[in-house]
Amino acid sequence: MADYTPHQQKIIKRYYENYDAIKHQRLSELATELYLAEGKKLDRLWKRVCEDLTKLGFPQTRIDHLMSKKDPALLVGILQELQAKS
């Protein structure tokens, strides 16, 4: 990690150590927002959910199923499954 101070290196290291927890928290927040959103914002939120699940390495077939249904309850079930694995 060239060009970073030791303090910055520690921050970057902690971020990547907690990456899964950060993404899980973000998905939880998105699930809440999905229940409240409508219109174009709803489409943007679903796109972010798809991107985050992909980054977490979730199976693409399950992501495709979720995106075809676009049901926030399914996302909550996925979050519970991810939490059980942790």
PDB file of N, CA and C in Angstrom:
ATOM      1  N   MET A   1       0.839  -1.178   0.000  1.00  0.00           N
ATOM      2  CA  MET A   1       0.000   0.000   0.000  1.00  0.00           C
ATOM      3  C   MET A   1       0.884   1.242   0.000  1.00  0.00           C
ATOM      4  N   ALA A   2       1.409   1.525  -1.104  1.00  0.00           N
ATOM      5  CA  ALA A   2       2.289   2.677  -1.232  1.00  0.00           C
ATOM      6  C   ALA A   2       1.472   3.969  -1.189  1.00  0.00           C
ATOM      7  N   ASP A   3       2.115   5.015  -0.794  1.00  0.00           N
ATOM      8  CA  ASP A   3       1.542   6.364  -0.770  1.00  0.00           C
ATOM      9  C   ASP A   3       0.433   6.560   0.255  1.00  0.00           C
ATOM     10  N   TYR A   4       0.297   5.673   1.212  1.00  0.00           N
ATOM     11  CA  TYR A   4      -0.673   5.849   2.286  1.00  0.00           C
ATOM     12  C   TYR A   4       0.068   5.878   3.610  1.00  0.00           C
ATOM     13  N   THR A   5      -0.410   6.716   4.516  1.00  0.00           N
ATOM     14  CA  THR A   5       0.187   6.749   5.844  1.00  0.00           C
ATOM     15  C   THR A   5      -0.202   5.471   6.580  1.00  0.00           C
ATOM     16  N   PRO A   6       0.507   5.121   7.624  1.00  0.00           N
ATOM     17  CA  PRO A   6       0.126   3.919   8.387  1.00  0.00           C
ATOM     18  C   PRO A   6      -1.318   3.991   8.901  1.00  0.00           C
ATOM     19  N   HIS A   7      -1.742   5.177   9.288  1.00  0.00           N
ATOM     20  CA  HIS A   7      -3.117   5.347   9.764  1.00  0.00           C
ATOM     21  C   HIS A   7      -4.119   5.042   8.643  1.00  0.00           C
ATOM     22  N   GLN A   8      -3.857   5.552   7.449  1.00  0.00           N
ATOM     23  CA  GLN A   8      -4.740   5.296   6.318  1.00  0.00           C
ATOM     24  C   GLN A   8      -4.734   3.812   5.942  1.00  0.00           C
ATOM     25  N   GLN A   9      -3.574   3.179   6.040  1.00  0.00           N
ATOM     26  CA  GLN A   9      -3.476   1.757   5.734  1.00  0.00           C
ATOM     27  C   GLN A   9      -4.343   0.929   6.679  1.00  0.00           C
ATOM     28  N   LYS A  10      -4.359   1.312   7.966  1.00  0.00           N
ATOM     29  CA  LYS A  10      -5.183   0.588   8.942  1.00  0.00           C
ATOM     30  C   LYS A  10      -6.669   0.754   8.627  1.00  0.00           C
ATOM     31  N   ILE A  11      -7.072   1.965   8.222  1.00  0.00           N
ATOM     32  CA  ILE A  11      -8.469   2.225   7.886  1.00  0.00           C
ATOM     33  C   ILE A  11      -8.883   1.376   6.687  1.00  0.00           C
ATOM     34  N   ILE A  12      -8.037   1.350   5.663  1.00  0.00           N
ATOM     35  CA  ILE A  12      -8.328   0.560   4.463  1.00  0.00           C
ATOM     36  C   ILE A  12      -8.404  -0.916   4.804  1.00  0.00           C
ATOM     37  N   LYS A  13      -7.485  -1.392   5.637  1.00  0.00           N
ATOM     38  CA  LYS A  13      -7.463  -2.806   6.030  1.00  0.00           C
ATOM     39  C   LYS A  13      -8.735  -3.177   6.789  1.00  0.00           C
ATOM     40  N   ARG A  14      -9.165  -2.330   7.727  1.00  0.00           N
ATOM     41  CA  ARG A  14     -10.387  -2.609   8.489  1.00  0.00           C
ATOM     42  C   ARG A  14     -11.617  -2.605   7.593  1.00  0.00           C
ATOM     43  N   TYR A  15     -11.630  -1.709   6.598  1.00  0.00           N
ATOM     44  CA  TYR A  15     -12.764  -1.663   5.670  1.00  0.00           C
ATOM     45  C   TYR A  15     -12.909  -3.003   4.967  1.00  0.00           C
ATOM     46  N   TYR A  16     -11.820  -3.523   4.427  1.00  0.00           N
ATOM     47  CA  TYR A  16     -11.903  -4.784   3.688  1.00  0.00           C
ATOM     48  C   TYR A  16     -12.107  -5.987   4.607  1.00  0.00           C
ATOM     49  N   GLU A  17     -11.678  -5.907   5.836  1.00  0.00           N
ATOM     50  CA  GLU A  17     -11.956  -6.985   6.793  1.00  0.00           C
ATOM     51  C   GLU A  17     -13.448  -7.061   7.111  1.00  0.00           C
ATOM     52  N   ASN A  18     -14.113  -5.925   7.103  1.00  0.00           N
ATOM     53  CA  ASN A  18     -15.536  -5.854   7.452  1.00  0.00           C
ATOM     54  C   ASN A  18     -16.430  -5.649   6.236  1.00  0.00           C
ATOM     55  N   TYR A  19     -15.929  -5.922   5.046  1.00  0.00           N
ATOM     56  CA  TYR A  19     -16.650  -5.658   3.805  1.00  0.00           C
ATOM     57  C   TYR A  19     -18.009  -6.365   3.769  1.00  0.00           C
ATOM     58  N   ASP A  20     -18.044  -7.638   4.141  1.00  0.00           N
ATOM     59  CA  ASP A  20     -19.308  -8.382   4.119  1.00  0.00           C
ATOM     60  C   ASP A  20     -20.331  -7.777   5.077  1.00  0.00           C
ATOM     61  N   ALA A  21     -19.893  -7.394   6.253  1.00  0.00           N
ATOM     62  CA  ALA A  21     -20.809  -6.789   7.228  1.00  0.00           C
ATOM     63  C   ALA A  21     -21.328  -5.446   6.729  1.00  0.00           C
ATOM     64  N   ILE A  22     -20.468  -4.693   6.074  1.00  0.00           N
ATOM     65  CA  ILE A  22     -20.872  -3.393   5.536  1.00  0.00           C
ATOM     66  C   ILE A  22     -21.926  -3.584   4.446  1.00  0.00           C
ATOM     67  N   LYS A  23     -21.696  -4.525   3.533  1.00  0.00           N
ATOM     68  CA  LYS A  23     -22.658  -4.790   2.455  1.00  0.00           C
ATOM     69  C   LYS A  23     -23.966  -5.347   3.017  1.00  0.00           C
ATOM     70  N   HIS A  24     -23.882  -6.181   4.030  1.00  0.00           N
ATOM     71  CA  HIS A  24     -25.098  -6.724   4.645  1.00  0.00           C
ATOM     72  C   HIS A  24     -25.922  -5.597   5.258  1.00  0.00           C
ATOM     73  N   GLN A  25     -25.267  -4.685   5.939  1.00  0.00           N
ATOM     74  CA  GLN A  25     -25.962  -3.544   6.536  1.00  0.00           C
ATOM     75  C   GLN A  25     -26.596  -2.682   5.451  1.00  0.00           C
ATOM     76  N   ARG A  26     -25.872  -2.479   4.357  1.00  0.00           N
ATOM     77  CA  ARG A  26     -26.397  -1.664   3.260  1.00  0.00           C
ATOM     78  C   ARG A  26     -27.624  -2.327   2.646  1.00  0.00           C
ATOM     79  N   LEU A  27     -27.584  -3.648   2.481  1.00  0.00           N
ATOM     80  CA  LEU A  27     -28.740  -4.361   1.945  1.00  0.00           C
ATOM     81  C   LEU A  27     -29.939  -4.278   2.888  1.00  0.00           C
ATOM     82  N   SER A  28     -29.686  -4.306   4.172  1.00  0.00           N
ATOM     83  CA  SER A  28     -30.773  -4.155   5.148  1.00  0.00           C
ATOM     84  C   SER A  28     -31.435  -2.795   5.021  1.00  0.00           C
ATOM     85  N   GLU A  29     -30.632  -1.772   4.850  1.00  0.00           N
ATOM     86  CA  GLU A  29     -31.164  -0.423   4.673  1.00  0.00           C
ATOM     87  C   GLU A  29     -31.939  -0.310   3.361  1.00  0.00           C
ATOM     88  N   LEU A  30     -31.433  -0.959   2.312  1.00  0.00           N
ATOM     89  CA  LEU A  30     -32.126  -0.941   1.027  1.00  0.00           C
ATOM     90  C   LEU A  30     -33.470  -1.646   1.112  1.00  0.00           C
ATOM     91  N   ALA A  31     -33.540  -2.734   1.881  1.00  0.00           N
ATOM     92  CA  ALA A  31     -34.807  -3.452   2.047  1.00  0.00           C
ATOM     93  C   ALA A  31     -35.855  -2.531   2.667  1.00  0.00           C
ATOM     94  N   THR A  32     -35.448  -1.764   3.641  1.00  0.00           N
ATOM     95  CA  THR A  32     -36.370  -0.816   4.267  1.00  0.00           C
ATOM     96  C   THR A  32     -36.819   0.241   3.273  1.00  0.00           C
ATOM     97  N   GLU A  33     -35.867   0.766   2.515  1.00  0.00           N
ATOM     98  CA  GLU A  33     -36.204   1.797   1.530  1.00  0.00           C
ATOM     99  C   GLU A  33     -37.109   1.263   0.428  1.00  0.00           C
ATOM    100  N   LEU A  34     -36.969  -0.014   0.078  1.00  0.00           N
ATOM    101  CA  LEU A  34     -37.804  -0.595  -0.981  1.00  0.00           C
ATOM    102  C   LEU A  34     -39.278  -0.591  -0.609  1.00  0.00           C
ATOM    103  N   TYR A  35     -39.568  -0.782   0.667  1.00  0.00           N
ATOM    104  CA  TYR A  35     -40.963  -0.775   1.104  1.00  0.00           C
ATOM    105  C   TYR A  35     -41.573   0.621   0.980  1.00  0.00           C
ATOM    106  N   LEU A  36     -40.742   1.648   1.047  1.00  0.00           N
ATOM    107  CA  LEU A  36     -41.248   3.021   1.059  1.00  0.00           C
ATOM    108  C   LEU A  36     -41.160   3.716  -0.299  1.00  0.00           C
ATOM    109  N   ALA A  37     -40.325   3.219  -1.189  1.00  0.00           N
ATOM    110  CA  ALA A  37     -40.059   3.908  -2.454  1.00  0.00           C
ATOM    111  C   ALA A  37     -41.121   3.599  -3.498  1.00  0.00           C
ATOM    112  N   GLU A  38     -41.161   4.463  -4.499  1.00  0.00           N
ATOM    113  CA  GLU A  38     -42.049   4.252  -5.645  1.00  0.00           C
ATOM    114  C   GLU A  38     -41.447   4.937  -6.864  1.00  0.00           C
ATOM    115  N   GLY A  39     -41.896   4.511  -8.035  1.00  0.00           N
ATOM    116  CA  GLY A  39     -41.453   5.127  -9.283  1.00  0.00           C
ATOM    117  C   GLY A  39     -40.013   4.800  -9.648  1.00  0.00           C
ATOM    118  N   LYS A  40     -39.327   5.802 -10.173  1.00  0.00           N
ATOM    119  CA  LYS A  40     -37.950   5.618 -10.643  1.00  0.00           C
ATOM    120  C   LYS A  40     -36.990   5.283  -9.511  1.00  0.00           C
ATOM    121  N   LYS A  41     -37.262   5.806  -8.327  1.00  0.00           N
ATOM    122  CA  LYS A  41     -36.385   5.509  -7.195  1.00  0.00           C
ATOM    123  C   LYS A  41     -36.415   4.021  -6.881  1.00  0.00           C
ATOM    124  N   LEU A  42     -37.563   3.423  -7.020  1.00  0.00           N
ATOM    125  CA  LEU A  42     -37.708   1.989  -6.770  1.00  0.00           C
ATOM    126  C   LEU A  42     -36.830   1.183  -7.724  1.00  0.00           C
ATOM    127  N   ASP A  43     -36.796   1.584  -8.989  1.00  0.00           N
ATOM    128  CA  ASP A  43     -35.946   0.888  -9.965  1.00  0.00           C
ATOM    129  C   ASP A  43     -34.469   1.041  -9.627  1.00  0.00           C
ATOM    130  N   ARG A  44     -34.059   2.225  -9.207  1.00  0.00           N
ATOM    131  CA  ARG A  44     -32.656   2.456  -8.832  1.00  0.00           C
ATOM    132  C   ARG A  44     -32.271   1.616  -7.617  1.00  0.00           C
ATOM    133  N   LEU A  45     -33.167   1.508  -6.656  1.00  0.00           N
ATOM    134  CA  LEU A  45     -32.886   0.715  -5.460  1.00  0.00           C
ATOM    135  C   LEU A  45     -32.716  -0.761  -5.805  1.00  0.00           C
ATOM    136  N   TRP A  46     -33.560  -1.285  -6.678  1.00  0.00           N
ATOM    137  CA  TRP A  46     -33.433  -2.689  -7.071  1.00  0.00           C
ATOM    138  C   TRP A  46     -32.119  -2.921  -7.804  1.00  0.00           C
ATOM    139  N   LYS A  47     -31.702  -1.957  -8.592  1.00  0.00           N
ATOM    140  CA  LYS A  47     -30.417  -2.080  -9.293  1.00  0.00           C
ATOM    141  C   LYS A  47     -29.270  -2.161  -8.285  1.00  0.00           C
ATOM    142  N   ARG A  48     -29.331  -1.334  -7.234  1.00  0.00           N
ATOM    143  CA  ARG A  48     -28.295  -1.355  -6.194  1.00  0.00           C
ATOM    144  C   ARG A  48     -28.303  -2.680  -5.439  1.00  0.00           C
ATOM    145  N   VAL A  49     -29.489  -3.228  -5.186  1.00  0.00           N
ATOM    146  CA  VAL A  49     -29.592  -4.525  -4.514  1.00  0.00           C
ATOM    147  C   VAL A  49     -28.905  -5.589  -5.359  1.00  0.00           C
ATOM    148  N   CYS A  50     -29.170  -5.573  -6.645  1.00  0.00           N
ATOM    149  CA  CYS A  50     -28.558  -6.546  -7.562  1.00  0.00           C
ATOM    150  C   CYS A  50     -27.034  -6.420  -7.547  1.00  0.00           C
ATOM    151  N   GLU A  51     -26.527  -5.210  -7.599  1.00  0.00           N
ATOM    152  CA  GLU A  51     -25.079  -4.981  -7.589  1.00  0.00           C
ATOM    153  C   GLU A  51     -24.446  -5.465  -6.283  1.00  0.00           C
ATOM    154  N   ASP A  52     -25.093  -5.153  -5.167  1.00  0.00           N
ATOM    155  CA  ASP A  52     -24.537  -5.540  -3.870  1.00  0.00           C
ATOM    156  C   ASP A  52     -24.534  -7.058  -3.680  1.00  0.00           C
ATOM    157  N   LEU A  53     -25.600  -7.724  -4.105  1.00  0.00           N
ATOM    158  CA  LEU A  53     -25.639  -9.182  -3.989  1.00  0.00           C
ATOM    159  C   LEU A  53     -24.583  -9.825  -4.875  1.00  0.00           C
ATOM    160  N   THR A  54     -24.356  -9.247  -6.038  1.00  0.00           N
ATOM    161  CA  THR A  54     -23.319  -9.756  -6.931  1.00  0.00           C
ATOM    162  C   THR A  54     -21.949  -9.609  -6.293  1.00  0.00           C
ATOM    163  N   LYS A  55     -21.697  -8.471  -5.672  1.00  0.00           N
ATOM    164  CA  LYS A  55     -20.408  -8.231  -5.018  1.00  0.00           C
ATOM    165  C   LYS A  55     -20.189  -9.171  -3.836  1.00  0.00           C
ATOM    166  N   LEU A  56     -21.274  -9.598  -3.202  1.00  0.00           N
ATOM    167  CA  LEU A  56     -21.165 -10.529  -2.082  1.00  0.00           C
ATOM    168  C   LEU A  56     -20.983 -11.970  -2.549  1.00  0.00           C
ATOM    169  N   GLY A  57     -21.080 -12.196  -3.852  1.00  0.00           N
ATOM    170  CA  GLY A  57     -20.896 -13.544  -4.377  1.00  0.00           C
ATOM    171  C   GLY A  57     -22.138 -14.409  -4.261  1.00  0.00           C
ATOM    172  N   PHE A  58     -23.297 -13.794  -4.204  1.00  0.00           N
ATOM    173  CA  PHE A  58     -24.554 -14.537  -4.118  1.00  0.00           C
ATOM    174  C   PHE A  58     -24.825 -15.176  -5.476  1.00  0.00           C
ATOM    175  N   PRO A  59     -25.415 -16.388  -5.521  1.00  0.00           N
ATOM    176  CA  PRO A  59     -25.643 -17.077  -6.803  1.00  0.00           C
ATOM    177  C   PRO A  59     -26.496 -16.245  -7.776  1.00  0.00           C
ATOM    178  N   GLN A  60     -26.046 -16.181  -9.018  1.00  0.00           N
ATOM    179  CA  GLN A  60     -26.706 -15.352 -10.020  1.00  0.00           C
ATOM    180  C   GLN A  60     -28.134 -15.804 -10.301  1.00  0.00           C
ATOM    181  N   THR A  61     -28.398 -17.101 -10.222  1.00  0.00           N
ATOM    182  CA  THR A  61     -29.755 -17.585 -10.470  1.00  0.00           C
ATOM    183  C   THR A  61     -30.730 -17.057  -9.421  1.00  0.00           C
ATOM    184  N   ARG A  62     -30.261 -16.996  -8.186  1.00  0.00           N
ATOM    185  CA  ARG A  62     -31.120 -16.459  -7.107  1.00  0.00           C
ATOM    186  C   ARG A  62     -31.325 -14.954  -7.272  1.00  0.00           C
ATOM    187  N   ILE A  63     -30.271 -14.260  -7.718  1.00  0.00           N
ATOM    188  CA  ILE A  63     -30.398 -12.820  -7.955  1.00  0.00           C
ATOM    189  C   ILE A  63     -31.400 -12.573  -9.077  1.00  0.00           C
ATOM    190  N   ASP A  64     -31.310 -13.372 -10.148  1.00  0.00           N
ATOM    191  CA  ASP A  64     -32.237 -13.226 -11.277  1.00  0.00           C
ATOM    192  C   ASP A  64     -33.678 -13.465 -10.834  1.00  0.00           C
ATOM    193  N   HIS A  65     -33.884 -14.474  -9.981  1.00  0.00           N
ATOM    194  CA  HIS A  65     -35.228 -14.750  -9.473  1.00  0.00           C
ATOM    195  C   HIS A  65     -35.751 -13.565  -8.658  1.00  0.00           C
ATOM    196  N   LEU A  66     -34.906 -13.037  -7.791  1.00  0.00           N
ATOM    197  CA  LEU A  66     -35.286 -11.879  -6.977  1.00  0.00           C
ATOM    198  C   LEU A  66     -35.637 -10.685  -7.859  1.00  0.00           C
ATOM    199  N   MET A  67     -34.824 -10.462  -8.890  1.00  0.00           N
ATOM    200  CA  MET A  67     -35.056  -9.312  -9.760  1.00  0.00           C
ATOM    201  C   MET A  67     -36.307  -9.501 -10.619  1.00  0.00           C
ATOM    202  N   SER A  68     -36.655 -10.736 -10.929  1.00  0.00           N
ATOM    203  CA  SER A  68     -37.874 -10.951 -11.715  1.00  0.00           C
ATOM    204  C   SER A  68     -39.124 -10.714 -10.859  1.00  0.00           C
ATOM    205  N   LYS A  69     -39.046 -11.072  -9.578  1.00  0.00           N
ATOM    206  CA  LYS A  69     -40.193 -10.878  -8.672  1.00  0.00           C
ATOM    207  C   LYS A  69     -40.240  -9.467  -8.100  1.00  0.00           C
ATOM    208  N   LYS A  70     -39.072  -8.922  -7.797  1.00  0.00           N
ATOM    209  CA  LYS A  70     -38.932  -7.603  -7.159  1.00  0.00           C
ATOM    210  C   LYS A  70     -39.838  -7.481  -5.937  1.00  0.00           C
ATOM    211  N   ASP A  71     -39.706  -8.470  -5.066  1.00  0.00           N
ATOM    212  CA  ASP A  71     -40.484  -8.527  -3.833  1.00  0.00           C
ATOM    213  C   ASP A  71     -39.542  -8.273  -2.650  1.00  0.00           C
ATOM    214  N   PRO A  72     -39.749  -7.185  -1.914  1.00  0.00           N
ATOM    215  CA  PRO A  72     -38.871  -6.907  -0.776  1.00  0.00           C
ATOM    216  C   PRO A  72     -38.860  -8.023   0.267  1.00  0.00           C
ATOM    217  N   ALA A  73     -39.943  -8.774   0.375  1.00  0.00           N
ATOM    218  CA  ALA A  73     -39.988  -9.882   1.337  1.00  0.00           C
ATOM    219  C   ALA A  73     -38.961 -10.954   0.971  1.00  0.00           C
ATOM    220  N   LEU A  74     -38.739 -11.179  -0.314  1.00  0.00           N
ATOM    221  CA  LEU A  74     -37.715 -12.134  -0.737  1.00  0.00           C
ATOM    222  C   LEU A  74     -36.330 -11.647  -0.338  1.00  0.00           C
ATOM    223  N   LEU A  75     -36.109 -10.342  -0.460  1.00  0.00           N
ATOM    224  CA  LEU A  75     -34.817  -9.772  -0.060  1.00  0.00           C
ATOM    225  C   LEU A  75     -34.598  -9.958   1.437  1.00  0.00           C
ATOM    226  N   VAL A  76     -35.637  -9.787   2.221  1.00  0.00           N
ATOM    227  CA  VAL A  76     -35.518  -9.992   3.668  1.00  0.00           C
ATOM    228  C   VAL A  76     -35.143 -11.438   3.962  1.00  0.00           C
ATOM    229  N   GLY A  77     -35.733 -12.374   3.228  1.00  0.00           N
ATOM    230  CA  GLY A  77     -35.375 -13.778   3.399  1.00  0.00           C
ATOM    231  C   GLY A  77     -33.911 -14.042   3.051  1.00  0.00           C
ATOM    232  N   ILE A  78     -33.437 -13.407   2.003  1.00  0.00           N
ATOM    233  CA  ILE A  78     -32.030 -13.542   1.604  1.00  0.00           C
ATOM    234  C   ILE A  78     -31.128 -12.966   2.694  1.00  0.00           C
ATOM    235  N   LEU A  79     -31.528 -11.845   3.266  1.00  0.00           N
ATOM    236  CA  LEU A  79     -30.732 -11.227   4.327  1.00  0.00           C
ATOM    237  C   LEU A  79     -30.650 -12.146   5.545  1.00  0.00           C
ATOM    238  N   GLN A  80     -31.752 -12.787   5.886  1.00  0.00           N
ATOM    239  CA  GLN A  80     -31.741 -13.723   7.003  1.00  0.00           C
ATOM    240  C   GLN A  80     -30.843 -14.906   6.719  1.00  0.00           C
ATOM    241  N   GLU A  81     -30.861 -15.360   5.472  1.00  0.00           N
ATOM    242  CA  GLU A  81     -29.978 -16.464   5.071  1.00  0.00           C
ATOM    243  C   GLU A  81     -28.509 -16.059   5.167  1.00  0.00           C
ATOM    244  N   LEU A  82     -28.199 -14.859   4.700  1.00  0.00           N
ATOM    245  CA  LEU A  82     -26.808 -14.370   4.768  1.00  0.00           C
ATOM    246  C   LEU A  82     -26.364 -14.195   6.217  1.00  0.00           C
ATOM    247  N   GLN A  83     -27.280 -13.741   7.060  1.00  0.00           N
ATOM    248  CA  GLN A  83     -26.936 -13.542   8.467  1.00  0.00           C
ATOM    249  C   GLN A  83     -26.696 -14.885   9.156  1.00  0.00           C
ATOM    250  N   ALA A  84     -27.451 -15.895   8.777  1.00  0.00           N
ATOM    251  CA  ALA A  84     -27.277 -17.219   9.368  1.00  0.00           C
ATOM    252  C   ALA A  84     -25.918 -17.805   8.997  1.00  0.00           C
ATOM    253  N   LYS A  85     -25.417 -17.482   7.805  1.00  0.00           N
ATOM    254  CA  LYS A  85     -24.117 -17.983   7.366  1.00  0.00           C
ATOM    255  C   LYS A  85     -22.979 -17.302   8.112  1.00  0.00           C
ATOM    256  N   SER A  86     -23.213 -16.092   8.582  1.00  0.00           N
ATOM    257  CA  SER A  86     -22.146 -15.338   9.271  1.00  0.00           C
ATOM    258  C   SER A  86     -21.882 -15.822  10.664  1.00  0.00           C
TER     259      SER A  86
END
